[in-house]
């Protein structure tokens, strides 16, 4: 599978030797579904995991749920988030839950320590146990509860793949990605809701169309703009301190949407006119084969792709240099002993 689907995509050197190699694949398409570039197999089928969240939010926004419940841009952004569980994130989740008349007891995402290390430490030293509102997917789940409330549907089983809101989410997701719903492989995500496995090229198309909705129905196009505007206006809600999604969207100043997913997934959307006047929206779906548990491959590969595209200025690349595309490896004495560098060449 490695040799046919995934290619070397990032290496870590020690001296003149490549000491370790990450394998991966990506697909880049425009909003007309033209394949612009690929590395590995663009038809590789894999789960988007949390990278699907902006697309999962679409039917709720398309049905004007955000206006019905009076949600702010910040609250819309956290519905699309894998947030760090900071106090600001928890307060934003609570704000939505008050508006829709649910509590965190209604969340079926489970619990885990906050992804934000400082917040996790603070909870430990204060003897506090993490609750569902700190879960990185609590925004998505609260958005699903808001959707169920909007449609006057039961909320007890909102995570069930047969629940009407989950069926609407699957339909919206599949149409955005240009694939039949029956062709989407379903799995259960870490937070217990349905998740989707599709080819990388289709996932990239979904993000290209999210950013460039020229061929979508009016309501769906408006929903796409609402979501991308919220995410780029409040990137601190989408991830949090020290996280790549947040920093990239802050630095890109509205030109790029970024959403990471577990097990080595990352989707990027580039806005129309961001490269040159008249350039279409572009979507990029990246998968690191080994799961990229330390998150060193995805940011570096993404920045190399964006650099070769000319999507970021020199100063913007410098502002993101701690993430890549290349950076030195230092030992415990802070001596430079090697380098992390992507192995990507756009055709």
C-alpha atoms as a PDB file:
ATOM      1  CA  UNK A   1       0.000   0.000   0.000  1.00  0.00           C
ATOM      2  CA  UNK A   2       2.786   2.409   0.898  1.00  0.00           C
ATOM      3  CA  UNK A   3       4.566   2.078  -2.451  1.00  0.00           C
ATOM      4  CA  UNK A   4       1.469   2.475  -4.622  1.00  0.00           C
ATOM      5  CA  UNK A   5      -0.583   4.995  -2.647  1.00  0.00           C
ATOM      6  CA  UNK A   6       1.867   7.078  -0.638  1.00  0.00           C
ATOM      7  CA  UNK A   7       5.246   8.530  -1.571  1.00  0.00           C
ATOM      8  CA  UNK A   8       8.032  10.020   0.556  1.00  0.00           C
ATOM      9  CA  UNK A   9       6.715  13.441   1.494  1.00  0.00           C
ATOM     10  CA  UNK A  10       8.962  14.688   4.328  1.00  0.00           C
ATOM     11  CA  UNK A  11      12.333  13.580   5.631  1.00  0.00           C
ATOM     12  CA  UNK A  12      14.313  14.177   8.779  1.00  0.00           C
ATOM     13  CA  UNK A  13      18.073  14.195   8.356  1.00  0.00           C
ATOM     14  CA  UNK A  14      21.000  13.717  10.701  1.00  0.00           C
ATOM     15  CA  UNK A  15      24.128  15.019   9.098  1.00  0.00           C
ATOM     16  CA  UNK A  16      24.055  13.953   5.459  1.00  0.00           C
ATOM     17  CA  UNK A  17      21.769  10.976   6.079  1.00  0.00           C
ATOM     18  CA  UNK A  18      17.978  10.839   5.869  1.00  0.00           C
ATOM     19  CA  UNK A  19      17.277   9.283   9.250  1.00  0.00           C
ATOM     20  CA  UNK A  20      13.501   8.972   8.932  1.00  0.00           C
ATOM     21  CA  UNK A  21      10.899   9.528   6.240  1.00  0.00           C
ATOM     22  CA  UNK A  22       7.185  10.288   6.390  1.00  0.00           C
ATOM     23  CA  UNK A  23       5.133   8.940   3.501  1.00  0.00           C
ATOM     24  CA  UNK A  24       2.027  10.713   2.318  1.00  0.00           C
ATOM     25  CA  UNK A  25      -0.185  11.884  -0.504  1.00  0.00           C
ATOM     26  CA  UNK A  26      -2.069  15.007  -1.454  1.00  0.00           C
ATOM     27  CA  UNK A  27      -4.451  16.205  -4.123  1.00  0.00           C
ATOM     28  CA  UNK A  28      -4.936  19.798  -5.256  1.00  0.00           C
ATOM     29  CA  UNK A  29      -7.965  20.780  -7.322  1.00  0.00           C
ATOM     30  CA  UNK A  30      -9.681  23.978  -8.333  1.00  0.00           C
ATOM     31  CA  UNK A  31     -13.364  24.732  -7.840  1.00  0.00           C
ATOM     32  CA  UNK A  32     -14.077  23.386 -11.356  1.00  0.00           C
ATOM     33  CA  UNK A  33     -12.677  20.000 -10.217  1.00  0.00           C
ATOM     34  CA  UNK A  34      -9.558  20.250 -12.336  1.00  0.00           C
ATOM     35  CA  UNK A  35      -6.723  18.275 -10.758  1.00  0.00           C
ATOM     36  CA  UNK A  36      -3.881  20.790 -10.530  1.00  0.00           C
ATOM     37  CA  UNK A  37      -1.254  18.725  -8.741  1.00  0.00           C
ATOM     38  CA  UNK A  38      -0.887  15.508  -6.801  1.00  0.00           C
ATOM     39  CA  UNK A  39       1.680  13.564  -4.829  1.00  0.00           C
ATOM     40  CA  UNK A  40       1.001   9.876  -4.418  1.00  0.00           C
ATOM     41  CA  UNK A  41      -2.454   8.659  -5.366  1.00  0.00           C
ATOM     42  CA  UNK A  42      -5.104  11.438  -5.522  1.00  0.00           C
ATOM     43  CA  UNK A  43      -7.745   8.700  -5.436  1.00  0.00           C
ATOM     44  CA  UNK A  44      -6.522   7.329  -2.097  1.00  0.00           C
ATOM     45  CA  UNK A  45      -9.563   6.810   0.117  1.00  0.00           C
ATOM     46  CA  UNK A  46      -9.192   7.800   3.751  1.00  0.00           C
ATOM     47  CA  UNK A  47     -11.213   9.401   6.535  1.00  0.00           C
ATOM     48  CA  UNK A  48     -11.213  13.186   6.794  1.00  0.00           C
ATOM     49  CA  UNK A  49     -11.789  12.996  10.539  1.00  0.00           C
ATOM     50  CA  UNK A  50     -12.086  16.550  11.935  1.00  0.00           C
ATOM     51  CA  UNK A  51     -11.118  18.121   8.620  1.00  0.00           C
ATOM     52  CA  UNK A  52     -14.746  17.486   7.646  1.00  0.00           C
ATOM     53  CA  UNK A  53     -16.140  19.833  10.310  1.00  0.00           C
ATOM     54  CA  UNK A  54     -16.688  22.953   8.142  1.00  0.00           C
ATOM     55  CA  UNK A  55     -18.594  20.794   5.647  1.00  0.00           C
ATOM     56  CA  UNK A  56     -20.553  19.083   8.435  1.00  0.00           C
ATOM     57  CA  UNK A  57     -21.735  22.519   9.600  1.00  0.00           C
ATOM     58  CA  UNK A  58     -23.140  23.439   6.173  1.00  0.00           C
ATOM     59  CA  UNK A  59     -26.753  22.196   6.401  1.00  0.00           C
ATOM     60  CA  UNK A  60     -27.244  23.896   9.789  1.00  0.00           C
ATOM     61  CA  UNK A  61     -26.039  27.220   8.385  1.00  0.00           C
ATOM     62  CA  UNK A  62     -27.876  26.668   5.094  1.00  0.00           C
ATOM     63  CA  UNK A  63     -31.123  26.316   7.072  1.00  0.00           C
ATOM     64  CA  UNK A  64     -30.372  29.670   8.743  1.00  0.00           C
ATOM     65  CA  UNK A  65     -29.748  28.046  12.108  1.00  0.00           C
ATOM     66  CA  UNK A  66     -27.144  30.654  12.956  1.00  0.00           C
ATOM     67  CA  UNK A  67     -29.600  33.514  12.476  1.00  0.00           C
ATOM     68  CA  UNK A  68     -32.457  31.661  14.193  1.00  0.00           C
ATOM     69  CA  UNK A  69     -30.330  31.180  17.325  1.00  0.00           C
ATOM     70  CA  UNK A  70     -28.515  34.508  17.023  1.00  0.00           C
ATOM     71  CA  UNK A  71     -25.040  32.995  16.773  1.00  0.00           C
ATOM     72  CA  UNK A  72     -22.030  35.262  16.436  1.00  0.00           C
ATOM     73  CA  UNK A  73     -19.181  34.687  14.000  1.00  0.00           C
ATOM     74  CA  UNK A  74     -17.116  33.434  16.917  1.00  0.00           C
ATOM     75  CA  UNK A  75     -19.782  30.860  17.757  1.00  0.00           C
ATOM     76  CA  UNK A  76     -20.063  29.749  14.131  1.00  0.00           C
ATOM     77  CA  UNK A  77     -16.278  29.319  14.002  1.00  0.00           C
ATOM     78  CA  UNK A  78     -16.219  27.038  17.045  1.00  0.00           C
ATOM     79  CA  UNK A  79     -18.879  24.795  15.480  1.00  0.00           C
ATOM     80  CA  UNK A  80     -16.239  24.110  12.786  1.00  0.00           C
ATOM     81  CA  UNK A  81     -13.406  23.705  15.294  1.00  0.00           C
ATOM     82  CA  UNK A  82     -11.066  21.260  16.930  1.00  0.00           C
ATOM     83  CA  UNK A  83     -10.510  23.728  19.732  1.00  0.00           C
ATOM     84  CA  UNK A  84      -7.991  23.596  22.547  1.00  0.00           C
ATOM     85  CA  UNK A  85     -10.461  23.582  25.413  1.00  0.00           C
ATOM     86  CA  UNK A  86      -9.309  26.901  26.844  1.00  0.00           C
ATOM     87  CA  UNK A  87     -11.546  28.957  29.122  1.00  0.00           C
ATOM     88  CA  UNK A  88     -12.460  31.151  26.128  1.00  0.00           C
ATOM     89  CA  UNK A  89     -13.428  28.093  24.110  1.00  0.00           C
ATOM     90  CA  UNK A  90     -15.492  26.659  26.972  1.00  0.00           C
ATOM     91  CA  UNK A  91     -17.253  29.999  27.479  1.00  0.00           C
ATOM     92  CA  UNK A  92     -18.142  30.172  23.766  1.00  0.00           C
ATOM     93  CA  UNK A  93     -19.586  26.647  23.881  1.00  0.00           C
ATOM     94  CA  UNK A  94     -21.625  27.559  26.960  1.00  0.00           C
ATOM     95  CA  UNK A  95     -22.925  30.683  25.207  1.00  0.00           C
ATOM     96  CA  UNK A  96     -24.315  28.613  22.329  1.00  0.00           C
ATOM     97  CA  UNK A  97     -25.821  26.054  24.691  1.00  0.00           C
ATOM     98  CA  UNK A  98     -27.692  28.756  26.600  1.00  0.00           C
ATOM     99  CA  UNK A  99     -29.149  30.090  23.343  1.00  0.00           C
ATOM    100  CA  UNK A 100     -30.391  26.660  22.203  1.00  0.00           C
ATOM    101  CA  UNK A 101     -31.475  25.484  25.661  1.00  0.00           C
ATOM    102  CA  UNK A 102     -29.170  22.496  26.109  1.00  0.00           C
ATOM    103  CA  UNK A 103     -26.398  21.748  28.576  1.00  0.00           C
ATOM    104  CA  UNK A 104     -23.092  19.959  28.270  1.00  0.00           C
ATOM    105  CA  UNK A 105     -24.828  16.893  29.700  1.00  0.00           C
ATOM    106  CA  UNK A 106     -26.524  16.628  26.293  1.00  0.00           C
ATOM    107  CA  UNK A 107     -23.165  16.276  24.535  1.00  0.00           C
ATOM    108  CA  UNK A 108     -22.216  12.754  23.440  1.00  0.00           C
ATOM    109  CA  UNK A 109     -18.599  13.548  22.525  1.00  0.00           C
ATOM    110  CA  UNK A 110     -17.064  12.155  25.703  1.00  0.00           C
ATOM    111  CA  UNK A 111     -14.215  13.777  27.606  1.00  0.00           C
ATOM    112  CA  UNK A 112     -10.460  14.155  27.294  1.00  0.00           C
ATOM    113  CA  UNK A 113      -7.866  16.555  28.733  1.00  0.00           C
ATOM    114  CA  UNK A 114      -7.836  19.895  26.903  1.00  0.00           C
ATOM    115  CA  UNK A 115      -5.565  19.982  23.865  1.00  0.00           C
ATOM    116  CA  UNK A 116      -4.174  23.283  25.134  1.00  0.00           C
ATOM    117  CA  UNK A 117      -1.308  22.276  27.420  1.00  0.00           C
ATOM    118  CA  UNK A 118      -1.572  25.340  29.668  1.00  0.00           C
ATOM    119  CA  UNK A 119      -5.278  24.770  30.239  1.00  0.00           C
ATOM    120  CA  UNK A 120      -4.755  21.051  30.896  1.00  0.00           C
ATOM    121  CA  UNK A 121      -2.058  21.889  33.461  1.00  0.00           C
ATOM    122  CA  UNK A 122      -4.266  24.479  35.150  1.00  0.00           C
ATOM    123  CA  UNK A 123      -7.096  21.985  35.515  1.00  0.00           C
ATOM    124  CA  UNK A 124      -4.740  19.382  37.017  1.00  0.00           C
ATOM    125  CA  UNK A 125      -3.198  21.686  39.613  1.00  0.00           C
ATOM    126  CA  UNK A 126      -6.646  22.957  40.610  1.00  0.00           C
ATOM    127  CA  UNK A 127      -8.015  19.443  40.935  1.00  0.00           C
ATOM    128  CA  UNK A 128     -10.596  19.967  38.189  1.00  0.00           C
ATOM    129  CA  UNK A 129     -11.796  17.132  35.975  1.00  0.00           C
ATOM    130  CA  UNK A 130     -12.256  17.920  32.266  1.00  0.00           C
ATOM    131  CA  UNK A 131     -15.903  17.932  31.193  1.00  0.00           C
ATOM    132  CA  UNK A 132     -17.416  17.546  27.706  1.00  0.00           C
ATOM    133  CA  UNK A 133     -17.318  21.284  26.954  1.00  0.00           C
ATOM    134  CA  UNK A 134     -13.494  21.056  26.944  1.00  0.00           C
ATOM    135  CA  UNK A 135     -13.560  18.276  24.321  1.00  0.00           C
ATOM    136  CA  UNK A 136     -12.089  19.489  21.045  1.00  0.00           C
ATOM    137  CA  UNK A 137     -15.273  18.431  19.200  1.00  0.00           C
ATOM    138  CA  UNK A 138     -17.758  20.028  21.608  1.00  0.00           C
ATOM    139  CA  UNK A 139     -18.397  22.856  19.138  1.00  0.00           C
ATOM    140  CA  UNK A 140     -19.361  20.458  16.375  1.00  0.00           C
ATOM    141  CA  UNK A 141     -21.610  18.529  18.756  1.00  0.00           C
ATOM    142  CA  UNK A 142     -23.234  21.699  20.073  1.00  0.00           C
ATOM    143  CA  UNK A 143     -23.857  22.748  16.467  1.00  0.00           C
ATOM    144  CA  UNK A 144     -25.519  19.405  15.780  1.00  0.00           C
ATOM    145  CA  UNK A 145     -27.723  19.840  18.841  1.00  0.00           C
ATOM    146  CA  UNK A 146     -28.611  23.332  17.600  1.00  0.00           C
ATOM    147  CA  UNK A 147     -29.518  21.825  14.211  1.00  0.00           C
ATOM    148  CA  UNK A 148     -31.729  19.181  15.830  1.00  0.00           C
ATOM    149  CA  UNK A 149     -33.450  21.838  17.949  1.00  0.00           C
ATOM    150  CA  UNK A 150     -33.944  24.003  14.866  1.00  0.00           C
ATOM    151  CA  UNK A 151     -35.668  21.136  13.049  1.00  0.00           C
ATOM    152  CA  UNK A 152     -37.745  20.163  16.129  1.00  0.00           C
ATOM    153  CA  UNK A 153     -36.094  16.748  16.196  1.00  0.00           C
ATOM    154  CA  UNK A 154     -35.084  14.578  19.160  1.00  0.00           C
ATOM    155  CA  UNK A 155     -31.644  15.345  20.562  1.00  0.00           C
ATOM    156  CA  UNK A 156     -31.007  12.172  22.572  1.00  0.00           C
ATOM    157  CA  UNK A 157     -29.683  10.231  19.559  1.00  0.00           C
ATOM    158  CA  UNK A 158     -28.325  13.081  17.423  1.00  0.00           C
ATOM    159  CA  UNK A 159     -25.064  11.159  16.836  1.00  0.00           C
ATOM    160  CA  UNK A 160     -26.856   8.200  15.223  1.00  0.00           C
ATOM    161  CA  UNK A 161     -26.117   7.883  11.497  1.00  0.00           C
ATOM    162  CA  UNK A 162     -29.842   7.320  10.925  1.00  0.00           C
ATOM    163  CA  UNK A 163     -30.836  10.565  12.666  1.00  0.00           C
ATOM    164  CA  UNK A 164     -32.302  13.052  10.141  1.00  0.00           C
ATOM    165  CA  UNK A 165     -29.627  15.667  10.803  1.00  0.00           C
ATOM    166  CA  UNK A 166     -26.837  13.151  10.174  1.00  0.00           C
ATOM    167  CA  UNK A 167     -28.490  12.175   6.905  1.00  0.00           C
ATOM    168  CA  UNK A 168     -28.656  15.835   5.876  1.00  0.00           C
ATOM    169  CA  UNK A 169     -25.006  16.290   6.836  1.00  0.00           C
ATOM    170  CA  UNK A 170     -23.956  13.299   4.735  1.00  0.00           C
ATOM    171  CA  UNK A 171     -25.946  14.567   1.758  1.00  0.00           C
ATOM    172  CA  UNK A 172     -24.474  18.074   1.975  1.00  0.00           C
ATOM    173  CA  UNK A 173     -20.969  16.699   2.445  1.00  0.00           C
ATOM    174  CA  UNK A 174     -21.213  14.336  -0.513  1.00  0.00           C
ATOM    175  CA  UNK A 175     -22.624  16.985  -2.860  1.00  0.00           C
ATOM    176  CA  UNK A 176     -19.903  19.464  -1.912  1.00  0.00           C
ATOM    177  CA  UNK A 177     -17.265  16.820  -2.614  1.00  0.00           C
ATOM    178  CA  UNK A 178     -18.803  15.624  -5.889  1.00  0.00           C
ATOM    179  CA  UNK A 179     -19.435  12.059  -4.824  1.00  0.00           C
ATOM    180  CA  UNK A 180     -22.585   9.972  -4.430  1.00  0.00           C
ATOM    181  CA  UNK A 181     -23.670   9.525  -0.782  1.00  0.00           C
ATOM    182  CA  UNK A 182     -23.669   5.759  -1.319  1.00  0.00           C
ATOM    183  CA  UNK A 183     -19.997   5.934  -2.311  1.00  0.00           C
ATOM    184  CA  UNK A 184     -18.987   7.557   0.979  1.00  0.00           C
ATOM    185  CA  UNK A 185     -17.571   5.031   3.433  1.00  0.00           C
ATOM    186  CA  UNK A 186     -18.925   5.701   6.915  1.00  0.00           C
ATOM    187  CA  UNK A 187     -17.037   5.186  10.146  1.00  0.00           C
ATOM    188  CA  UNK A 188     -17.428   6.350  13.732  1.00  0.00           C
ATOM    189  CA  UNK A 189     -15.220   9.276  14.703  1.00  0.00           C
ATOM    190  CA  UNK A 190     -13.328   9.598  17.974  1.00  0.00           C
ATOM    191  CA  UNK A 191     -16.160  11.794  19.267  1.00  0.00           C
ATOM    192  CA  UNK A 192     -18.802   9.177  18.264  1.00  0.00           C
ATOM    193  CA  UNK A 193     -20.475  10.951  15.313  1.00  0.00           C
ATOM    194  CA  UNK A 194     -20.367   9.537  11.767  1.00  0.00           C
ATOM    195  CA  UNK A 195     -17.237  10.335   9.775  1.00  0.00           C
ATOM    196  CA  UNK A 196     -16.510  10.016   6.080  1.00  0.00           C
ATOM    197  CA  UNK A 197     -13.846   8.339   3.939  1.00  0.00           C
ATOM    198  CA  UNK A 198     -13.559   9.542   0.332  1.00  0.00           C
ATOM    199  CA  UNK A 199     -10.765  10.031  -2.231  1.00  0.00           C
ATOM    200  CA  UNK A 200      -8.349  12.868  -1.543  1.00  0.00           C
ATOM    201  CA  UNK A 201      -9.357  14.577  -4.788  1.00  0.00           C
ATOM    202  CA  UNK A 202     -12.995  14.720  -3.699  1.00  0.00           C
ATOM    203  CA  UNK A 203     -12.080  16.118  -0.293  1.00  0.00           C
ATOM    204  CA  UNK A 204      -9.975  18.787  -1.973  1.00  0.00           C
ATOM    205  CA  UNK A 205     -12.935  19.652  -4.201  1.00  0.00           C
ATOM    206  CA  UNK A 206     -15.117  20.105  -1.139  1.00  0.00           C
ATOM    207  CA  UNK A 207     -12.724  22.732   0.233  1.00  0.00           C
ATOM    208  CA  UNK A 208     -12.272  24.387  -3.160  1.00  0.00           C
ATOM    209  CA  UNK A 209     -16.042  24.826  -3.418  1.00  0.00           C
ATOM    210  CA  UNK A 210     -16.295  25.903   0.219  1.00  0.00           C
ATOM    211  CA  UNK A 211     -14.025  28.824  -0.698  1.00  0.00           C
ATOM    212  CA  UNK A 212     -15.346  29.383  -4.229  1.00  0.00           C
ATOM    213  CA  UNK A 213     -19.069  28.660  -4.409  1.00  0.00           C
ATOM    214  CA  UNK A 214     -19.667  30.035  -7.897  1.00  0.00           C
ATOM    215  CA  UNK A 215     -21.573  26.962  -9.111  1.00  0.00           C
ATOM    216  CA  UNK A 216     -23.572  26.239  -5.952  1.00  0.00           C
ATOM    217  CA  UNK A 217     -27.237  27.047  -5.243  1.00  0.00           C
ATOM    218  CA  UNK A 218     -27.751  30.479  -3.683  1.00  0.00           C
ATOM    219  CA  UNK A 219     -28.474  29.245  -0.152  1.00  0.00           C
ATOM    220  CA  UNK A 220     -25.529  26.859  -0.112  1.00  0.00           C
ATOM    221  CA  UNK A 221     -23.187  29.485  -1.529  1.00  0.00           C
ATOM    222  CA  UNK A 222     -24.265  31.911   1.191  1.00  0.00           C
ATOM    223  CA  UNK A 223     -23.700  29.230   3.836  1.00  0.00           C
ATOM    224  CA  UNK A 224     -20.185  28.580   2.515  1.00  0.00           C
ATOM    225  CA  UNK A 225     -19.345  32.275   2.768  1.00  0.00           C
ATOM    226  CA  UNK A 226     -20.760  32.450   6.286  1.00  0.00           C
ATOM    227  CA  UNK A 227     -18.545  29.558   7.388  1.00  0.00           C
ATOM    228  CA  UNK A 228     -15.329  30.735   5.730  1.00  0.00           C
ATOM    229  CA  UNK A 229     -15.882  34.303   6.952  1.00  0.00           C
ATOM    230  CA  UNK A 230     -16.368  33.061  10.519  1.00  0.00           C
ATOM    231  CA  UNK A 231     -13.329  30.767  10.456  1.00  0.00           C
ATOM    232  CA  UNK A 232     -10.997  33.404   9.022  1.00  0.00           C
ATOM    233  CA  UNK A 233     -12.391  36.144  11.293  1.00  0.00           C
ATOM    234  CA  UNK A 234     -11.910  34.004  14.420  1.00  0.00           C
ATOM    235  CA  UNK A 235      -9.129  31.486  13.768  1.00  0.00           C
ATOM    236  CA  UNK A 236      -8.430  31.415  17.509  1.00  0.00           C
ATOM    237  CA  UNK A 237     -11.723  29.543  17.881  1.00  0.00           C
ATOM    238  CA  UNK A 238     -10.885  26.950  15.201  1.00  0.00           C
ATOM    239  CA  UNK A 239      -7.828  25.579  17.018  1.00  0.00           C
ATOM    240  CA  UNK A 240      -6.108  27.758  19.607  1.00  0.00           C
ATOM    241  CA  UNK A 241      -2.758  28.907  20.986  1.00  0.00           C
ATOM    242  CA  UNK A 242       0.246  27.411  19.231  1.00  0.00           C
ATOM    243  CA  UNK A 243      -1.834  25.451  16.721  1.00  0.00           C
ATOM    244  CA  UNK A 244      -1.164  25.487  12.975  1.00  0.00           C
ATOM    245  CA  UNK A 245      -4.728  26.106  11.767  1.00  0.00           C
ATOM    246  CA  UNK A 246      -5.013  29.210  13.919  1.00  0.00           C
ATOM    247  CA  UNK A 247      -1.627  30.678  13.020  1.00  0.00           C
ATOM    248  CA  UNK A 248      -1.965  30.015   9.293  1.00  0.00           C
ATOM    249  CA  UNK A 249      -5.381  31.681   9.088  1.00  0.00           C
ATOM    250  CA  UNK A 250      -4.208  34.620  11.196  1.00  0.00           C
ATOM    251  CA  UNK A 251      -1.180  35.201   8.978  1.00  0.00           C
ATOM    252  CA  UNK A 252      -3.041  34.606   5.685  1.00  0.00           C
ATOM    253  CA  UNK A 253      -5.525  37.388   6.505  1.00  0.00           C
ATOM    254  CA  UNK A 254      -8.634  35.821   5.010  1.00  0.00           C
ATOM    255  CA  UNK A 255      -7.030  34.162   1.971  1.00  0.00           C
ATOM    256  CA  UNK A 256      -6.809  30.616   3.341  1.00  0.00           C
ATOM    257  CA  UNK A 257      -9.040  28.269   5.340  1.00  0.00           C
ATOM    258  CA  UNK A 258      -7.231  25.496   7.214  1.00  0.00           C
ATOM    259  CA  UNK A 259      -8.689  22.508   9.057  1.00  0.00           C
ATOM    260  CA  UNK A 260      -6.703  19.642  10.496  1.00  0.00           C
ATOM    261  CA  UNK A 261      -8.017  16.134  11.057  1.00  0.00           C
ATOM    262  CA  UNK A 262      -6.723  13.268  13.178  1.00  0.00           C
ATOM    263  CA  UNK A 263      -4.411  10.553  11.830  1.00  0.00           C
ATOM    264  CA  UNK A 264      -2.435  12.824   9.558  1.00  0.00           C
ATOM    265  CA  UNK A 265      -5.178  14.665   7.644  1.00  0.00           C
ATOM    266  CA  UNK A 266      -5.253  18.338   6.678  1.00  0.00           C
ATOM    267  CA  UNK A 267      -7.467  20.285   4.290  1.00  0.00           C
ATOM    268  CA  UNK A 268      -6.734  23.758   2.956  1.00  0.00           C
ATOM    269  CA  UNK A 269      -8.953  26.062   0.956  1.00  0.00           C
ATOM    270  CA  UNK A 270      -7.559  29.020  -0.969  1.00  0.00           C
ATOM    271  CA  UNK A 271      -9.928  31.859  -1.826  1.00  0.00           C
ATOM    272  CA  UNK A 272     -10.591  33.067  -5.385  1.00  0.00           C
ATOM    273  CA  UNK A 273      -8.177  35.793  -6.543  1.00  0.00           C
ATOM    274  CA  UNK A 274      -5.740  34.866  -3.754  1.00  0.00           C
ATOM    275  CA  UNK A 275      -2.999  33.774  -6.159  1.00  0.00           C
ATOM    276  CA  UNK A 276      -3.601  36.178  -9.045  1.00  0.00           C
ATOM    277  CA  UNK A 277      -6.580  38.205 -10.201  1.00  0.00           C
ATOM    278  CA  UNK A 278      -9.126  35.772 -11.577  1.00  0.00           C
ATOM    279  CA  UNK A 279      -7.621  32.649 -10.019  1.00  0.00           C
ATOM    280  CA  UNK A 280     -10.280  30.162  -8.869  1.00  0.00           C
ATOM    281  CA  UNK A 281     -10.724  28.744  -5.416  1.00  0.00           C
ATOM    282  CA  UNK A 282      -8.362  25.868  -4.725  1.00  0.00           C
ATOM    283  CA  UNK A 283      -8.669  22.935  -2.350  1.00  0.00           C
ATOM    284  CA  UNK A 284      -5.835  20.790  -1.019  1.00  0.00           C
ATOM    285  CA  UNK A 285      -6.257  17.528   0.900  1.00  0.00           C
ATOM    286  CA  UNK A 286      -3.146  16.092   2.579  1.00  0.00           C
ATOM    287  CA  UNK A 287      -2.778  12.684   4.225  1.00  0.00           C
ATOM    288  CA  UNK A 288       0.313  11.526   6.106  1.00  0.00           C
ATOM    289  CA  UNK A 289       0.344   7.738   6.035  1.00  0.00           C
ATOM    290  CA  UNK A 290       1.735   7.131   9.533  1.00  0.00           C
ATOM    291  CA  UNK A 291      -0.832   9.402  11.217  1.00  0.00           C
ATOM    292  CA  UNK A 292       1.648  12.240  11.951  1.00  0.00           C
ATOM    293  CA  UNK A 293       1.091  11.931  15.691  1.00  0.00           C
ATOM    294  CA  UNK A 294       3.682  14.623  16.483  1.00  0.00           C
ATOM    295  CA  UNK A 295       2.189  16.964  13.831  1.00  0.00           C
ATOM    296  CA  UNK A 296       5.550  17.756  12.300  1.00  0.00           C
ATOM    297  CA  UNK A 297       4.732  16.659   8.736  1.00  0.00           C
ATOM    298  CA  UNK A 298       1.405  18.299   7.880  1.00  0.00           C
ATOM    299  CA  UNK A 299       2.340  21.934   8.606  1.00  0.00           C
ATOM    300  CA  UNK A 300       5.692  21.621   6.848  1.00  0.00           C
ATOM    301  CA  UNK A 301       4.187  19.958   3.772  1.00  0.00           C
ATOM    302  CA  UNK A 302       1.315  22.448   3.672  1.00  0.00           C
ATOM    303  CA  UNK A 303       3.660  25.423   3.855  1.00  0.00           C
ATOM    304  CA  UNK A 304       5.887  24.004   1.113  1.00  0.00           C
ATOM    305  CA  UNK A 305       2.852  23.595  -1.140  1.00  0.00           C
ATOM    306  CA  UNK A 306       1.628  27.113  -0.371  1.00  0.00           C
ATOM    307  CA  UNK A 307       5.130  28.504  -0.916  1.00  0.00           C
ATOM    308  CA  UNK A 308       5.469  26.844  -4.326  1.00  0.00           C
ATOM    309  CA  UNK A 309       2.018  28.120  -5.274  1.00  0.00           C
ATOM    310  CA  UNK A 310       2.933  31.652  -4.259  1.00  0.00           C
ATOM    311  CA  UNK A 311      -0.057  31.779  -1.925  1.00  0.00           C
ATOM    312  CA  UNK A 312       1.906  33.426   0.897  1.00  0.00           C
ATOM    313  CA  UNK A 313       4.271  36.385   0.829  1.00  0.00           C
ATOM    314  CA  UNK A 314       7.847  36.207   2.090  1.00  0.00           C
ATOM    315  CA  UNK A 315       6.895  37.963   5.319  1.00  0.00           C
ATOM    316  CA  UNK A 316       3.940  35.614   5.829  1.00  0.00           C
ATOM    317  CA  UNK A 317       6.207  32.592   5.338  1.00  0.00           C
ATOM    318  CA  UNK A 318       8.644  34.039   7.858  1.00  0.00           C
ATOM    319  CA  UNK A 319       5.835  34.517  10.377  1.00  0.00           C
ATOM    320  CA  UNK A 320       5.047  30.798  10.071  1.00  0.00           C
ATOM    321  CA  UNK A 321       8.657  29.574   9.990  1.00  0.00           C
ATOM    322  CA  UNK A 322       8.373  27.686  13.301  1.00  0.00           C
ATOM    323  CA  UNK A 323       6.060  25.255  11.459  1.00  0.00           C
ATOM    324  CA  UNK A 324       8.235  24.889   8.337  1.00  0.00           C
ATOM    325  CA  UNK A 325       8.502  24.280   5.529  1.00  0.00           C
ATOM    326  CA  UNK A 326      12.060  23.373   6.610  1.00  0.00           C
ATOM    327  CA  UNK A 327      13.562  23.812  10.037  1.00  0.00           C
ATOM    328  CA  UNK A 328      16.639  22.576  11.913  1.00  0.00           C
ATOM    329  CA  UNK A 329      16.727  19.597  14.256  1.00  0.00           C
ATOM    330  CA  UNK A 330      18.598  20.411  17.474  1.00  0.00           C
ATOM    331  CA  UNK A 331      19.973  18.092  20.117  1.00  0.00           C
ATOM    332  CA  UNK A 332      19.735  18.586  23.890  1.00  0.00           C
ATOM    333  CA  UNK A 333      22.662  21.045  23.780  1.00  0.00           C
ATOM    334  CA  UNK A 334      20.831  23.078  21.134  1.00  0.00           C
ATOM    335  CA  UNK A 335      23.346  22.101  18.476  1.00  0.00           C
ATOM    336  CA  UNK A 336      21.951  21.777  14.939  1.00  0.00           C
ATOM    337  CA  UNK A 337      22.317  18.123  13.955  1.00  0.00           C
ATOM    338  CA  UNK A 338      19.875  17.784  11.059  1.00  0.00           C
ATOM    339  CA  UNK A 339      16.874  19.181   9.273  1.00  0.00           C
ATOM    340  CA  UNK A 340      13.174  18.538   8.703  1.00  0.00           C
ATOM    341  CA  UNK A 341      12.376  19.155   5.043  1.00  0.00           C
ATOM    342  CA  UNK A 342       9.458  18.381   2.697  1.00  0.00           C
ATOM    343  CA  UNK A 343       9.927  16.300  -0.439  1.00  0.00           C
ATOM    344  CA  UNK A 344       7.248  17.994  -2.548  1.00  0.00           C
ATOM    345  CA  UNK A 345       7.605  19.359  -6.065  1.00  0.00           C
ATOM    346  CA  UNK A 346       4.502  20.753  -7.749  1.00  0.00           C
ATOM    347  CA  UNK A 347       4.216  19.906 -11.419  1.00  0.00           C
END
